[in-house]
Amino acid sequence: MNKPFLILLIALIVFSGCNMRKYFKPAKHQVKGEAYFPNHLQESIVSSNRYGAILKNGAVIGDKGLTQLRIGKNFNYESSFLNESQGFFILAQDCLNKIDKKTSKSKVAKTEETELKLKGVEAEVQDKVCHQVELISNNPNASQQSIVIPLETFALSASVKGNLLAVVLADNSANLYDITSQKLLFSEKGSPSTTINSLMAMPIFMDTVVVFPMLDGRLLVVDYVHGNPTPIRNIVISSDKFFNNITYLIVDGNNMIASTG
């Protein structure tokens, strides 16, 4: 075996090892048993995700237990708890001025005129459909208790760092907002997803980049420090067509751990 060929072979082994991705699959003998929780909630859970849940009475449970946040009933919009991040409770909201069901389902004879009126009301309601994310300070003495940022569609996961809000939307777009001005600083949309897992991971801010967990099995890495926010890398975790949302994402030292589901 000649020397140049040996050097080339060693180089190929080294570089292929650096690019190798490891997948964790626990063996059956490593599963020790079932977790048992003796305590019970006083109210049932109406909605939940990886980072918390809303109870029937409006109470919110975060990763550290019951929070001081209470979500009151509002017939004009529905709220979902996304995350608690950097001193804010983050809520996703769908707002809609609903049609009066008594009017729309009344037994009045349907003439051409009444049908046109109902269609007009429905069109007006569609125009008033909106999506937003609300940041509620967990500090009762904060000068501004609530910040509302309008969105194009429903928010699935979000996190905050300083004056920046990173959001992943239901149309598989990654958005970065300036919280003070509510200005959209960056947006990139991926391929649409046919399924959405309620256990969606949240975006993670690092020193100079923010990592967005996307619905199509990839991580979008965006530089938010050097000039305008710019995507610098796409990391494909899985290329499956279905059930491919990034449902787990953490940074542990120099390692980034992610999974799909």
Protein backbone atom coordinates (compact mmCIF):
# COMPACT_ATOMS: atom_id res chain seq x y z
CA MET A 1 0.00 0.00 0.00
CA ASN A 2 1.55 3.31 -1.08
CA LYS A 3 1.85 6.28 1.28
CA PRO A 4 -0.49 8.76 -0.53
CA PHE A 5 -3.29 6.19 -0.58
CA LEU A 6 -2.82 5.49 3.15
CA ILE A 7 -2.98 9.23 3.98
CA LEU A 8 -6.15 9.61 1.89
CA LEU A 9 -7.77 6.62 3.63
CA ILE A 10 -6.99 8.02 7.10
CA ALA A 11 -8.37 11.44 6.10
CA LEU A 12 -11.62 9.88 4.87
CA ILE A 13 -12.06 7.97 8.14
CA VAL A 14 -11.43 11.09 10.25
CA PHE A 15 -13.81 13.36 8.30
CA SER A 16 -16.57 10.76 8.09
CA GLY A 17 -16.34 10.34 11.86
CA CYS A 18 -16.71 14.11 12.40
CA ASN A 19 -19.90 14.20 10.32
CA MET A 20 -21.47 11.14 11.93
CA ARG A 21 -24.86 11.66 13.60
CA LYS A 22 -25.76 9.47 16.58
CA TYR A 23 -29.29 8.30 17.39
CA PHE A 24 -30.28 7.19 20.88
CA LYS A 25 -32.49 4.11 21.17
CA PRO A 26 -32.67 2.66 24.70
CA ALA A 27 -32.55 -1.12 25.03
CA LYS A 28 -35.39 -2.87 26.84
CA HIS A 29 -33.16 -3.82 29.77
CA GLN A 30 -32.38 -0.11 30.34
CA VAL A 31 -36.03 0.72 31.09
CA LYS A 32 -36.19 0.40 34.88
CA GLY A 33 -39.92 0.79 35.48
CA GLU A 34 -42.85 3.19 35.56
CA ALA A 35 -42.95 6.64 37.16
CA TYR A 36 -45.57 7.04 39.90
CA PHE A 37 -47.08 10.38 40.91
CA PRO A 38 -49.11 10.28 44.14
CA ASN A 39 -50.46 13.85 43.88
CA HIS A 40 -53.57 14.85 41.91
CA LEU A 41 -54.72 18.08 40.30
CA GLN A 42 -57.84 19.77 41.68
CA GLU A 43 -58.96 20.68 38.16
CA SER A 44 -58.74 18.82 34.86
CA ILE A 45 -56.27 19.82 32.13
CA VAL A 46 -57.88 21.48 29.09
CA SER A 47 -54.70 22.00 27.02
CA SER A 48 -51.04 21.13 27.39
CA ASN A 49 -47.67 21.09 25.65
CA ARG A 50 -44.10 20.17 26.55
CA TYR A 51 -43.65 23.22 28.78
CA GLY A 52 -46.91 23.51 30.68
CA ALA A 53 -50.67 23.16 30.81
CA ILE A 54 -53.86 25.15 31.35
CA LEU A 55 -56.39 23.82 33.86
CA LYS A 56 -60.17 24.10 33.61
CA ASN A 57 -60.21 26.98 36.12
CA GLY A 58 -57.67 28.99 34.07
CA ALA A 59 -54.66 28.18 36.25
CA VAL A 60 -51.38 27.61 34.43
CA ILE A 61 -48.79 24.97 35.30
CA GLY A 62 -45.20 25.60 34.17
CA ASP A 63 -42.06 23.50 34.40
CA LYS A 64 -41.66 24.55 38.06
CA GLY A 65 -45.24 23.85 39.10
CA LEU A 66 -48.29 26.04 39.52
CA THR A 67 -47.71 29.65 38.39
CA GLN A 68 -49.43 32.86 39.48
CA LEU A 69 -50.90 33.29 35.99
CA ARG A 70 -54.65 32.88 35.55
CA ILE A 71 -56.30 32.90 32.15
CA GLY A 72 -59.82 34.29 32.31
CA LYS A 73 -62.65 33.30 29.98
CA ASN A 74 -62.96 35.45 26.88
CA PHE A 75 -65.48 34.70 24.15
CA ASN A 76 -63.52 36.68 21.53
CA TYR A 77 -60.37 34.59 21.62
CA GLU A 78 -58.83 31.36 22.86
CA SER A 79 -55.47 31.25 24.63
CA SER A 80 -52.85 28.51 24.73
CA PHE A 81 -49.84 28.51 27.04
CA LEU A 82 -46.58 28.15 25.11
CA ASN A 83 -43.73 28.75 27.50
CA GLU A 84 -42.28 30.79 30.35
CA SER A 85 -39.13 32.53 29.13
CA GLN A 86 -36.93 35.39 30.37
CA GLY A 87 -39.51 36.78 32.78
CA PHE A 88 -42.53 36.38 30.47
CA PHE A 89 -45.44 33.99 30.24
CA ILE A 90 -45.97 33.45 26.50
CA LEU A 91 -49.52 32.83 25.28
CA ALA A 92 -50.69 32.05 21.75
CA GLN A 93 -54.12 33.48 20.98
CA ASP A 94 -56.70 32.95 18.25
CA CYS A 95 -59.16 35.85 18.27
CA LEU A 96 -62.50 35.77 16.50
CA ASN A 97 -65.72 37.75 16.76
CA LYS A 98 -68.17 34.89 16.49
CA ILE A 99 -71.46 34.89 14.61
CA ASP A 100 -74.54 34.93 16.81
CA LYS A 101 -75.62 31.28 16.65
CA LYS A 102 -79.23 32.18 17.50
CA THR A 103 -79.39 34.43 14.46
CA SER A 104 -77.65 32.06 12.07
CA LYS A 105 -79.73 29.05 13.18
CA SER A 106 -83.10 30.76 13.53
CA LYS A 107 -86.19 29.31 11.89
CA VAL A 108 -86.81 32.43 9.80
CA ALA A 109 -87.66 31.56 6.20
CA LYS A 110 -84.50 31.74 4.08
CA THR A 111 -85.20 34.21 1.34
CA GLU A 112 -82.57 35.36 -1.12
CA GLU A 113 -82.19 38.57 0.90
CA THR A 114 -81.58 36.83 4.24
CA GLU A 115 -79.03 34.45 2.68
CA LEU A 116 -77.11 37.39 1.25
CA LYS A 117 -77.11 39.07 4.67
CA LEU A 118 -75.78 35.94 6.39
CA LYS A 119 -73.04 35.55 3.77
CA GLY A 120 -72.09 39.17 4.35
CA VAL A 121 -71.84 38.61 8.12
CA GLU A 122 -69.70 35.49 7.61
CA ALA A 123 -67.35 37.39 5.27
CA GLU A 124 -67.05 40.18 7.84
CA VAL A 125 -66.22 37.67 10.58
CA GLN A 126 -63.53 36.07 8.42
CA ASP A 127 -61.92 39.48 8.02
CA LYS A 128 -61.76 39.81 11.81
CA VAL A 129 -60.02 36.49 12.40
CA CYS A 130 -56.62 37.18 13.89
CA HIS A 131 -53.67 35.46 15.53
CA GLN A 132 -51.35 36.94 18.10
CA VAL A 133 -48.87 36.13 20.81
CA GLU A 134 -49.13 37.82 24.20
CA LEU A 135 -46.18 38.27 26.55
CA ILE A 136 -47.29 38.68 30.17
CA SER A 137 -44.66 39.76 32.69
CA ASN A 138 -44.25 37.47 35.69
CA ASN A 139 -43.13 40.53 37.68
CA PRO A 140 -46.21 42.21 39.23
CA ASN A 141 -44.26 45.49 39.53
CA ALA A 142 -43.24 45.65 35.85
CA SER A 143 -44.03 48.94 34.09
CA GLN A 144 -45.65 47.09 31.18
CA GLN A 145 -47.59 44.01 32.18
CA SER A 146 -48.60 42.78 28.72
CA ILE A 147 -47.24 43.01 25.16
CA VAL A 148 -49.29 41.77 22.20
CA ILE A 149 -47.66 41.00 18.83
CA PRO A 150 -49.89 40.24 15.80
CA LEU A 151 -49.04 37.13 13.77
CA GLU A 152 -49.91 35.71 10.36
CA THR A 153 -51.08 32.38 11.78
CA PHE A 154 -51.16 30.43 15.05
CA ALA A 155 -47.98 30.25 17.15
CA LEU A 156 -46.75 26.77 18.15
CA SER A 157 -43.64 27.56 20.20
CA ALA A 158 -41.76 30.65 21.29
CA SER A 159 -38.96 31.93 23.50
CA VAL A 160 -37.47 35.28 24.51
CA LYS A 161 -33.98 36.68 24.87
CA GLY A 162 -33.51 40.33 25.75
CA ASN A 163 -35.62 42.31 23.30
CA LEU A 164 -36.07 39.45 20.83
CA LEU A 165 -38.94 37.00 20.45
CA ALA A 166 -38.42 33.82 18.41
CA VAL A 167 -41.60 32.09 17.20
CA VAL A 168 -42.39 28.99 15.15
CA LEU A 169 -45.79 29.25 13.44
CA ALA A 170 -48.27 26.63 12.23
CA ASP A 171 -47.32 27.30 8.59
CA ASN A 172 -43.77 26.09 9.41
CA SER A 173 -42.27 29.56 9.39
CA ALA A 174 -39.53 30.76 11.75
CA ASN A 175 -40.01 34.38 12.82
CA LEU A 176 -37.89 36.77 14.87
CA TYR A 177 -39.51 39.91 16.33
CA ASP A 178 -38.33 43.04 18.10
CA ILE A 179 -40.51 43.04 21.22
CA THR A 180 -40.46 46.81 21.81
CA SER A 181 -41.36 47.88 18.28
CA GLN A 182 -43.25 44.64 17.42
CA LYS A 183 -41.30 44.70 14.15
CA LEU A 184 -40.68 41.49 12.22
CA LEU A 185 -36.90 41.19 11.86
CA PHE A 186 -36.68 37.81 10.14
CA SER A 187 -39.00 35.23 8.61
CA GLU A 188 -38.37 32.03 6.68
CA LYS A 189 -41.01 29.48 5.76
CA GLY A 190 -40.31 25.79 5.28
CA SER A 191 -42.33 23.11 3.52
CA PRO A 192 -45.85 22.66 4.96
CA SER A 193 -46.51 19.91 7.49
CA THR A 194 -49.63 17.73 7.43
CA THR A 195 -49.39 16.98 11.16
CA ILE A 196 -48.52 19.11 14.17
CA ASN A 197 -47.39 17.56 17.45
CA SER A 198 -48.45 19.34 20.64
CA LEU A 199 -45.01 18.53 22.10
CA MET A 200 -43.22 20.99 19.78
CA ALA A 201 -39.84 22.12 21.08
CA MET A 202 -39.18 25.81 21.66
CA PRO A 203 -36.53 27.91 19.88
CA ILE A 204 -33.21 28.15 21.72
CA PHE A 205 -31.12 31.31 21.88
CA MET A 206 -27.35 30.86 22.05
CA ASP A 207 -24.61 33.51 22.17
CA THR A 208 -24.85 34.61 18.54
CA VAL A 209 -27.48 32.33 16.99
CA VAL A 210 -31.04 31.20 17.58
CA VAL A 211 -32.02 27.63 16.70
CA PHE A 212 -35.58 27.15 15.41
CA PRO A 213 -37.17 23.67 15.70
CA MET A 214 -39.11 23.29 12.46
CA LEU A 215 -42.09 21.12 11.51
CA ASP A 216 -40.27 19.37 8.66
CA GLY A 217 -37.60 17.58 10.70
CA ARG A 218 -34.84 20.19 10.59
CA LEU A 219 -33.19 22.82 12.76
CA LEU A 220 -32.86 26.30 11.27
CA VAL A 221 -29.86 28.18 12.70
CA VAL A 222 -30.06 31.97 12.38
CA ASP A 223 -27.33 34.48 13.24
CA TYR A 224 -29.03 37.40 15.02
CA VAL A 225 -25.92 39.35 16.12
CA HIS A 226 -23.90 40.21 13.01
CA GLY A 227 -26.07 42.66 11.07
CA ASN A 228 -29.54 41.62 9.93
CA PRO A 229 -30.67 38.15 11.10
CA THR A 230 -29.35 35.63 8.58
CA PRO A 231 -29.81 31.84 8.28
CA ILE A 232 -26.40 30.18 8.39
CA ARG A 233 -27.24 26.48 8.61
CA ASN A 234 -29.95 23.87 8.16
CA ILE A 235 -29.50 20.69 10.20
CA VAL A 236 -31.69 17.82 8.98
CA ILE A 237 -32.66 15.52 11.85
CA SER A 238 -35.09 13.40 9.85
CA SER A 239 -36.47 13.49 6.31
CA ASP A 240 -39.65 11.50 6.94
CA LYS A 241 -42.77 12.92 5.29
CA PHE A 242 -45.10 12.43 8.27
CA PHE A 243 -44.84 12.98 12.03
CA ASN A 244 -41.58 14.83 11.58
CA ASN A 245 -41.89 17.84 13.90
CA ILE A 246 -38.91 18.68 16.10
CA THR A 247 -40.36 17.73 19.48
CA TYR A 248 -37.22 17.84 21.62
CA LEU A 249 -34.33 20.29 21.56
CA ILE A 250 -31.75 21.09 24.24
CA VAL A 251 -28.19 22.37 24.34
CA ASP A 252 -25.90 20.60 26.80
CA GLY A 253 -22.45 22.16 26.79
CA ASN A 254 -21.04 21.71 23.29
CA ASN A 255 -23.75 19.21 22.34
CA MET A 256 -27.12 19.90 20.78
CA ILE A 257 -29.67 17.12 21.25
CA ALA A 258 -32.83 16.98 19.12
CA SER A 259 -35.50 14.47 18.17
CA THR A 260 -38.58 14.34 15.96
CA GLY A 261 -42.07 13.02 16.51
